Amino acid sequence: MPGAEIAQYGIATFAIAGLVFVVSKIFDKKQNNNLAEVIKNNTKALEQVTAVVQAIQLSLTRQEAKIDELLERARQ
């Protein structure tokens, strides 16, 4: 009965392929979760950088106003 042995190999091959498919889907899901975490962290970091840049701009504006004031006094 060579047909029965071939059928058993076919079933075994199908089972292994199914197992590989399930494992690959699990790893893809983990990678997507990692990607979401990276995006979340990058967004948080960009918000902090934006806050620092705004603080620097505010400081520069204040310094510019003080310099203008000092130049005005020096001219008089």
N, C-alpha and C. Protein backbone atom coordinates (compact mmCIF):
# COMPACT_ATOMS: atom_id res chain seq x y z
N MET A 1 0.81 -1.19 0.00
CA MET A 1 0.00 0.00 0.00
C MET A 1 0.86 1.27 0.00
N PRO A 2 1.46 1.58 -1.10
CA PRO A 2 2.27 2.78 -1.17
C PRO A 2 1.43 4.05 -1.10
N GLY A 3 0.17 4.00 -1.48
CA GLY A 3 -0.68 5.19 -1.46
C GLY A 3 -0.92 5.67 -0.03
N ALA A 4 -1.05 4.76 0.93
CA ALA A 4 -1.30 5.14 2.31
C ALA A 4 -0.08 5.83 2.91
N GLU A 5 1.11 5.35 2.56
CA GLU A 5 2.34 5.98 3.08
C GLU A 5 2.50 7.39 2.50
N ILE A 6 2.20 7.53 1.24
CA ILE A 6 2.29 8.86 0.62
C ILE A 6 1.29 9.82 1.27
N ALA A 7 0.11 9.30 1.57
CA ALA A 7 -0.91 10.13 2.22
C ALA A 7 -0.44 10.56 3.60
N GLN A 8 0.23 9.66 4.32
CA GLN A 8 0.74 10.02 5.64
C GLN A 8 1.80 11.11 5.54
N TYR A 9 2.68 11.01 4.55
CA TYR A 9 3.69 12.06 4.35
C TYR A 9 3.02 13.39 3.98
N GLY A 10 1.99 13.32 3.19
CA GLY A 10 1.26 14.53 2.81
C GLY A 10 0.61 15.19 4.03
N ILE A 11 0.01 14.38 4.88
CA ILE A 11 -0.62 14.92 6.09
C ILE A 11 0.44 15.51 7.01
N ALA A 12 1.58 14.83 7.15
CA ALA A 12 2.66 15.34 8.00
C ALA A 12 3.18 16.67 7.45
N THR A 13 3.35 16.74 6.13
CA THR A 13 3.82 17.97 5.51
C THR A 13 2.83 19.10 5.73
N PHE A 14 1.54 18.79 5.57
CA PHE A 14 0.50 19.79 5.79
C PHE A 14 0.50 20.27 7.25
N ALA A 15 0.69 19.36 8.20
CA ALA A 15 0.71 19.73 9.62
C ALA A 15 1.91 20.62 9.93
N ILE A 16 3.06 20.30 9.38
CA ILE A 16 4.26 21.12 9.61
C ILE A 16 4.09 22.50 8.99
N ALA A 17 3.53 22.55 7.79
CA ALA A 17 3.30 23.84 7.15
C ALA A 17 2.32 24.69 7.98
N GLY A 18 1.29 24.07 8.51
CA GLY A 18 0.33 24.79 9.37
C GLY A 18 1.01 25.31 10.63
N LEU A 19 1.86 24.50 11.23
CA LEU A 19 2.59 24.91 12.43
C LEU A 19 3.52 26.09 12.12
N VAL A 20 4.22 26.04 11.02
CA VAL A 20 5.10 27.14 10.62
C VAL A 20 4.29 28.41 10.39
N PHE A 21 3.11 28.27 9.77
CA PHE A 21 2.25 29.42 9.52
C PHE A 21 1.81 30.07 10.84
N VAL A 22 1.39 29.27 11.81
CA VAL A 22 0.94 29.79 13.10
C VAL A 22 2.09 30.49 13.83
N VAL A 23 3.25 29.89 13.83
CA VAL A 23 4.41 30.48 14.50
C VAL A 23 4.80 31.81 13.83
N SER A 24 4.76 31.85 12.51
CA SER A 24 5.10 33.09 11.81
C SER A 24 4.09 34.18 12.12
N LYS A 25 2.82 33.84 12.24
CA LYS A 25 1.80 34.84 12.59
C LYS A 25 2.02 35.38 14.00
N ILE A 26 2.44 34.53 14.92
CA ILE A 26 2.71 34.97 16.30
C ILE A 26 3.88 35.95 16.31
N PHE A 27 4.95 35.65 15.57
CA PHE A 27 6.10 36.55 15.53
C PHE A 27 5.75 37.86 14.85
N ASP A 28 4.93 37.83 13.80
CA ASP A 28 4.50 39.07 13.14
C ASP A 28 3.71 39.94 14.10
N LYS A 29 2.86 39.33 14.90
CA LYS A 29 2.06 40.10 15.86
C LYS A 29 2.97 40.75 16.90
N LYS A 30 3.99 40.03 17.37
CA LYS A 30 4.92 40.60 18.34
C LYS A 30 5.68 41.77 17.73
N GLN A 31 6.09 41.64 16.47
CA GLN A 31 6.81 42.72 15.80
C GLN A 31 5.93 43.94 15.64
N ASN A 32 4.64 43.74 15.35
CA ASN A 32 3.72 44.87 15.23
C ASN A 32 3.54 45.55 16.58
N ASN A 33 3.51 44.79 17.67
CA ASN A 33 3.41 45.39 19.00
C ASN A 33 4.67 46.20 19.30
N ASN A 34 5.82 45.67 18.93
CA ASN A 34 7.07 46.40 19.13
C ASN A 34 7.07 47.69 18.31
N LEU A 35 6.56 47.63 17.11
CA LEU A 35 6.51 48.80 16.25
C LEU A 35 5.60 49.87 16.87
N ALA A 36 4.47 49.45 17.41
CA ALA A 36 3.57 50.40 18.05
C ALA A 36 4.23 51.05 19.26
N GLU A 37 5.01 50.28 20.00
CA GLU A 37 5.71 50.82 21.17
C GLU A 37 6.79 51.82 20.74
N VAL A 38 7.49 51.52 19.67
CA VAL A 38 8.52 52.43 19.16
C VAL A 38 7.88 53.73 18.71
N ILE A 39 6.76 53.65 18.02
CA ILE A 39 6.07 54.85 17.56
C ILE A 39 5.61 55.69 18.76
N LYS A 40 5.10 55.02 19.77
CA LYS A 40 4.65 55.72 20.98
C LYS A 40 5.83 56.44 21.65
N ASN A 41 6.95 55.75 21.78
CA ASN A 41 8.14 56.35 22.40
C ASN A 41 8.67 57.52 21.58
N ASN A 42 8.69 57.37 20.27
CA ASN A 42 9.18 58.44 19.41
C ASN A 42 8.28 59.66 19.48
N THR A 43 6.98 59.42 19.57
CA THR A 43 6.04 60.54 19.69
C THR A 43 6.28 61.30 20.99
N LYS A 44 6.49 60.55 22.06
CA LYS A 44 6.76 61.18 23.35
C LYS A 44 8.06 61.99 23.30
N ALA A 45 9.08 61.44 22.67
CA ALA A 45 10.37 62.13 22.56
C ALA A 45 10.23 63.40 21.72
N LEU A 46 9.47 63.34 20.63
CA LEU A 46 9.28 64.52 19.79
C LEU A 46 8.51 65.61 20.53
N GLU A 47 7.56 65.22 21.36
CA GLU A 47 6.84 66.21 22.15
C GLU A 47 7.77 66.91 23.13
N GLN A 48 8.68 66.16 23.73
CA GLN A 48 9.63 66.76 24.66
C GLN A 48 10.60 67.68 23.93
N VAL A 49 11.06 67.28 22.77
CA VAL A 49 11.96 68.12 21.98
C VAL A 49 11.25 69.41 21.58
N THR A 50 10.00 69.31 21.21
CA THR A 50 9.22 70.49 20.85
C THR A 50 9.11 71.45 22.02
N ALA A 51 8.88 70.91 23.21
CA ALA A 51 8.78 71.76 24.41
C ALA A 51 10.11 72.47 24.68
N VAL A 52 11.22 71.77 24.51
CA VAL A 52 12.53 72.38 24.73
C VAL A 52 12.80 73.47 23.71
N VAL A 53 12.46 73.23 22.46
CA VAL A 53 12.67 74.23 21.41
C VAL A 53 11.83 75.48 21.70
N GLN A 54 10.60 75.28 22.15
CA GLN A 54 9.74 76.43 22.48
C GLN A 54 10.33 77.22 23.65
N ALA A 55 10.88 76.52 24.64
CA ALA A 55 11.50 77.21 25.78
C ALA A 55 12.72 78.01 25.32
N ILE A 56 13.50 77.45 24.42
CA ILE A 56 14.67 78.16 23.89
C ILE A 56 14.23 79.39 23.11
N GLN A 57 13.18 79.25 22.31
CA GLN A 57 12.68 80.40 21.54
C GLN A 57 12.21 81.51 22.47
N LEU A 58 11.52 81.14 23.53
CA LEU A 58 11.04 82.13 24.49
C LEU A 58 12.22 82.84 25.16
N SER A 59 13.24 82.07 25.52
CA SER A 59 14.43 82.65 26.13
C SER A 59 15.14 83.60 25.17
N LEU A 60 15.25 83.21 23.92
CA LEU A 60 15.90 84.08 22.93
C LEU A 60 15.11 85.36 22.71
N THR A 61 13.80 85.26 22.72
CA THR A 61 12.97 86.45 22.57
C THR A 61 13.19 87.41 23.73
N ARG A 62 13.25 86.88 24.93
CA ARG A 62 13.50 87.72 26.10
C ARG A 62 14.88 88.37 26.02
N GLN A 63 15.88 87.59 25.63
CA GLN A 63 17.23 88.14 25.52
C GLN A 63 17.29 89.23 24.45
N GLU A 64 16.59 89.01 23.37
CA GLU A 64 16.56 90.00 22.30
C GLU A 64 15.93 91.31 22.79
N ALA A 65 14.86 91.20 23.56
CA ALA A 65 14.21 92.38 24.11
C ALA A 65 15.16 93.13 25.06
N LYS A 66 15.89 92.38 25.88
CA LYS A 66 16.84 93.01 26.80
C LYS A 66 17.98 93.70 26.04
N ILE A 67 18.48 93.05 25.00
CA ILE A 67 19.55 93.65 24.20
C ILE A 67 19.05 94.92 23.53
N ASP A 68 17.83 94.89 22.99
CA ASP A 68 17.26 96.10 22.38
C ASP A 68 17.13 97.22 23.42
N GLU A 69 16.73 96.86 24.62
CA GLU A 69 16.60 97.84 25.69
C GLU A 69 17.96 98.45 26.05
N LEU A 70 18.99 97.60 26.16
CA LEU A 70 20.33 98.09 26.47
C LEU A 70 20.88 98.96 25.35
N LEU A 71 20.64 98.60 24.09
CA LEU A 71 21.09 99.42 22.97
C LEU A 71 20.39 100.78 22.98
N GLU A 72 19.11 100.78 23.33
CA GLU A 72 18.36 102.03 23.41
C GLU A 72 18.98 102.94 24.47
N ARG A 73 19.34 102.37 25.62
CA ARG A 73 19.96 103.16 26.69
C ARG A 73 21.35 103.66 26.28
N ALA A 74 22.09 102.82 25.57
CA ALA A 74 23.44 103.20 25.17
C ALA A 74 23.42 104.33 24.15
N ARG A 75 22.42 104.39 23.31
CA ARG A 75 22.31 105.42 22.29
C ARG A 75 21.97 106.78 22.91
N GLN A 76 21.33 106.78 24.05
CA GLN A 76 20.93 108.05 24.67
C GLN A 76 22.02 108.65 25.44
